[in-house]
Amino acid sequence: MKYKLIKTDLFLNGRLTPEGTIIELSEKESSTLSMYLEELEEIQSDTNVRKINSEIASNSEKFTTKIKRGKNEN
C-alpha cells in the first residue's frame, strides 16, 4: 500500500524521510506508524509519485541550506 507521510519526518530504512513523501509499506509496517500516514488511492501513477518525491527532496534541500546559512551567520 502507498502512504503519504504526514505530521513529521521519520527515519525509515536508514534514511531520513521528509514529511509529504510518498512511501510504500506493508500492512504490518503501516500499523505501527498509522498516526503519521495518510493512505493513498492506487490510481496515482509511479511517474507522479516520483515527481512529487523529487519536488519534496528539492524543497527540503533548499530548506536545509537556509538553516545552515542562518547558523553560520550567528
N, C-alpha and C. Protein backbone atom coordinates (compact mmCIF):
# COMPACT_ATOMS: atom_id res chain seq x y z
N MET A 1 0.83 -1.18 0.00
CA MET A 1 0.00 0.00 0.00
C MET A 1 0.88 1.25 0.00
N LYS A 2 0.41 2.30 -0.62
CA LYS A 2 1.15 3.55 -0.66
C LYS A 2 0.53 4.53 0.33
N TYR A 3 1.43 5.28 0.99
CA TYR A 3 1.02 6.24 2.01
C TYR A 3 1.80 7.53 1.83
N LYS A 4 1.19 8.62 2.30
CA LYS A 4 1.87 9.91 2.35
C LYS A 4 2.24 10.15 3.80
N LEU A 5 3.48 10.48 4.05
CA LEU A 5 3.97 10.75 5.40
C LEU A 5 3.47 12.13 5.83
N ILE A 6 2.80 12.19 6.98
CA ILE A 6 2.24 13.45 7.47
C ILE A 6 2.71 13.74 8.89
N LYS A 7 2.65 14.98 9.28
CA LYS A 7 2.89 15.49 10.63
C LYS A 7 4.35 15.50 11.08
N THR A 8 5.24 14.73 10.43
CA THR A 8 6.62 14.67 10.90
C THR A 8 7.53 14.05 9.85
N ASP A 9 8.83 14.23 10.03
CA ASP A 9 9.82 13.49 9.25
C ASP A 9 10.09 12.20 10.04
N LEU A 10 10.42 11.12 9.35
CA LEU A 10 10.72 9.86 10.02
C LEU A 10 12.01 9.27 9.49
N PHE A 11 12.71 8.55 10.35
CA PHE A 11 13.89 7.81 9.96
C PHE A 11 13.44 6.41 9.59
N LEU A 12 13.41 6.09 8.28
CA LEU A 12 12.93 4.80 7.79
C LEU A 12 14.00 4.14 6.93
N ASN A 13 14.26 2.88 7.20
CA ASN A 13 15.22 2.10 6.40
C ASN A 13 16.57 2.78 6.26
N GLY A 14 17.05 3.38 7.34
CA GLY A 14 18.36 4.01 7.32
C GLY A 14 18.44 5.37 6.68
N ARG A 15 17.29 5.96 6.33
CA ARG A 15 17.27 7.27 5.69
C ARG A 15 16.23 8.16 6.35
N LEU A 16 16.51 9.46 6.38
CA LEU A 16 15.53 10.42 6.87
C LEU A 16 14.52 10.67 5.76
N THR A 17 13.27 10.43 6.07
CA THR A 17 12.18 10.58 5.11
C THR A 17 11.39 11.83 5.48
N PRO A 18 11.40 12.87 4.63
CA PRO A 18 10.72 14.12 4.99
C PRO A 18 9.20 14.01 4.91
N GLU A 19 8.54 14.82 5.69
CA GLU A 19 7.08 14.90 5.66
C GLU A 19 6.62 15.19 4.24
N GLY A 20 5.54 14.53 3.83
CA GLY A 20 5.00 14.72 2.49
C GLY A 20 5.47 13.69 1.49
N THR A 21 6.47 12.88 1.86
CA THR A 21 6.99 11.86 0.96
C THR A 21 5.98 10.73 0.82
N ILE A 22 5.88 10.19 -0.37
CA ILE A 22 5.00 9.05 -0.61
C ILE A 22 5.85 7.79 -0.50
N ILE A 23 5.43 6.89 0.38
CA ILE A 23 6.18 5.66 0.64
C ILE A 23 5.28 4.45 0.49
N GLU A 24 5.89 3.31 0.27
CA GLU A 24 5.14 2.07 0.16
C GLU A 24 5.52 1.19 1.34
N LEU A 25 4.50 0.74 2.09
CA LEU A 25 4.72 -0.09 3.28
C LEU A 25 3.75 -1.26 3.28
N SER A 26 4.15 -2.31 3.98
CA SER A 26 3.24 -3.44 4.17
C SER A 26 2.19 -3.05 5.21
N GLU A 27 1.15 -3.83 5.31
CA GLU A 27 0.09 -3.54 6.28
C GLU A 27 0.65 -3.59 7.70
N LYS A 28 1.54 -4.53 7.97
CA LYS A 28 2.13 -4.66 9.30
C LYS A 28 2.98 -3.44 9.65
N GLU A 29 3.81 -2.99 8.69
CA GLU A 29 4.65 -1.81 8.91
C GLU A 29 3.81 -0.56 9.13
N SER A 30 2.76 -0.43 8.34
CA SER A 30 1.93 0.76 8.42
C SER A 30 1.13 0.83 9.72
N SER A 31 0.82 -0.31 10.30
CA SER A 31 0.02 -0.30 11.53
C SER A 31 0.75 0.37 12.69
N THR A 32 2.08 0.23 12.73
CA THR A 32 2.84 0.86 13.81
C THR A 32 3.07 2.36 13.59
N LEU A 33 2.90 2.81 12.35
CA LEU A 33 3.12 4.22 12.00
C LEU A 33 1.84 4.93 11.60
N SER A 34 0.71 4.34 11.87
CA SER A 34 -0.57 4.84 11.34
C SER A 34 -0.85 6.30 11.67
N MET A 35 -0.36 6.80 12.80
CA MET A 35 -0.64 8.20 13.15
C MET A 35 0.12 9.18 12.27
N TYR A 36 1.13 8.68 11.53
CA TYR A 36 1.93 9.54 10.65
C TYR A 36 1.68 9.28 9.18
N LEU A 37 0.66 8.48 8.86
CA LEU A 37 0.43 8.09 7.47
C LEU A 37 -0.96 8.45 7.00
N GLU A 38 -1.04 8.82 5.74
CA GLU A 38 -2.31 9.05 5.06
C GLU A 38 -2.35 8.09 3.88
N GLU A 39 -3.33 7.18 3.90
CA GLU A 39 -3.41 6.18 2.84
C GLU A 39 -3.79 6.84 1.52
N LEU A 40 -3.10 6.43 0.46
CA LEU A 40 -3.35 6.99 -0.87
C LEU A 40 -4.09 5.98 -1.72
N GLU A 41 -4.87 6.50 -2.64
CA GLU A 41 -5.54 5.64 -3.59
C GLU A 41 -4.53 5.14 -4.59
N GLU A 42 -4.75 3.97 -5.13
CA GLU A 42 -3.80 3.35 -6.05
C GLU A 42 -3.83 3.93 -7.45
N ILE A 43 -4.65 4.94 -7.72
CA ILE A 43 -4.77 5.46 -9.08
C ILE A 43 -3.60 6.35 -9.48
N GLN A 44 -2.77 6.76 -8.52
CA GLN A 44 -1.61 7.59 -8.87
C GLN A 44 -0.60 6.74 -9.62
N SER A 45 -0.04 7.29 -10.67
CA SER A 45 0.97 6.57 -11.43
C SER A 45 2.33 6.70 -10.74
N ASP A 46 3.22 5.77 -11.00
CA ASP A 46 4.56 5.82 -10.44
C ASP A 46 5.29 7.08 -10.87
N THR A 47 5.03 7.56 -12.07
CA THR A 47 5.66 8.78 -12.57
C THR A 47 5.27 9.96 -11.70
N ASN A 48 3.99 10.06 -11.34
CA ASN A 48 3.54 11.16 -10.49
C ASN A 48 4.16 11.07 -9.10
N VAL A 49 4.28 9.87 -8.56
CA VAL A 49 4.87 9.68 -7.24
C VAL A 49 6.33 10.12 -7.27
N ARG A 50 7.08 9.71 -8.30
CA ARG A 50 8.49 10.10 -8.40
C ARG A 50 8.62 11.61 -8.53
N LYS A 51 7.74 12.24 -9.30
CA LYS A 51 7.79 13.68 -9.50
C LYS A 51 7.52 14.41 -8.17
N ILE A 52 6.53 13.98 -7.44
CA ILE A 52 6.20 14.60 -6.15
C ILE A 52 7.36 14.44 -5.17
N ASN A 53 7.91 13.22 -5.09
CA ASN A 53 9.02 12.97 -4.17
C ASN A 53 10.25 13.80 -4.53
N SER A 54 10.54 13.97 -5.82
CA SER A 54 11.69 14.78 -6.21
C SER A 54 11.47 16.25 -5.86
N GLU A 55 10.23 16.73 -5.99
CA GLU A 55 9.92 18.11 -5.60
C GLU A 55 10.10 18.30 -4.10
N ILE A 56 9.68 17.33 -3.33
CA ILE A 56 9.82 17.41 -1.87
C ILE A 56 11.30 17.40 -1.49
N ALA A 57 12.08 16.51 -2.12
CA ALA A 57 13.50 16.44 -1.83
C ALA A 57 14.18 17.75 -2.19
N SER A 58 13.81 18.33 -3.32
CA SER A 58 14.39 19.60 -3.75
C SER A 58 14.07 20.70 -2.75
N ASN A 59 12.83 20.75 -2.31
CA ASN A 59 12.42 21.77 -1.33
C ASN A 59 13.11 21.57 0.00
N SER A 60 13.28 20.32 0.45
CA SER A 60 13.92 20.08 1.74
C SER A 60 15.40 20.43 1.68
N GLU A 61 16.06 20.23 0.52
CA GLU A 61 17.46 20.63 0.37
C GLU A 61 17.59 22.14 0.48
N LYS A 62 16.68 22.88 -0.13
CA LYS A 62 16.71 24.35 -0.04
C LYS A 62 16.50 24.79 1.39
N PHE A 63 15.59 24.15 2.10
CA PHE A 63 15.31 24.50 3.49
C PHE A 63 16.53 24.22 4.37
N THR A 64 17.17 23.08 4.17
CA THR A 64 18.36 22.72 4.94
C THR A 64 19.47 23.72 4.70
N THR A 65 19.66 24.15 3.47
CA THR A 65 20.69 25.12 3.14
C THR A 65 20.43 26.44 3.86
N LYS A 66 19.19 26.87 3.90
CA LYS A 66 18.86 28.12 4.58
C LYS A 66 19.16 28.02 6.07
N ILE A 67 18.87 26.89 6.68
CA ILE A 67 19.15 26.71 8.11
C ILE A 67 20.65 26.77 8.35
N LYS A 68 21.43 26.10 7.51
CA LYS A 68 22.88 26.09 7.69
C LYS A 68 23.44 27.50 7.57
N ARG A 69 22.95 28.27 6.61
CA ARG A 69 23.44 29.65 6.45
C ARG A 69 23.10 30.48 7.67
N GLY A 70 21.88 30.28 8.20
CA GLY A 70 21.47 31.03 9.38
C GLY A 70 22.35 30.73 10.58
N LYS A 71 22.73 29.49 10.77
CA LYS A 71 23.58 29.11 11.89
C LYS A 71 24.99 29.69 11.73
N ASN A 72 25.49 29.71 10.51
CA ASN A 72 26.84 30.22 10.27
C ASN A 72 26.93 31.72 10.48
N GLU A 73 25.84 32.43 10.26
CA GLU A 73 25.86 33.88 10.37
C GLU A 73 25.91 34.33 11.83
N ASN A 74 25.44 33.52 12.75
CA ASN A 74 25.41 33.92 14.18
C ASN A 74 26.74 33.81 14.83
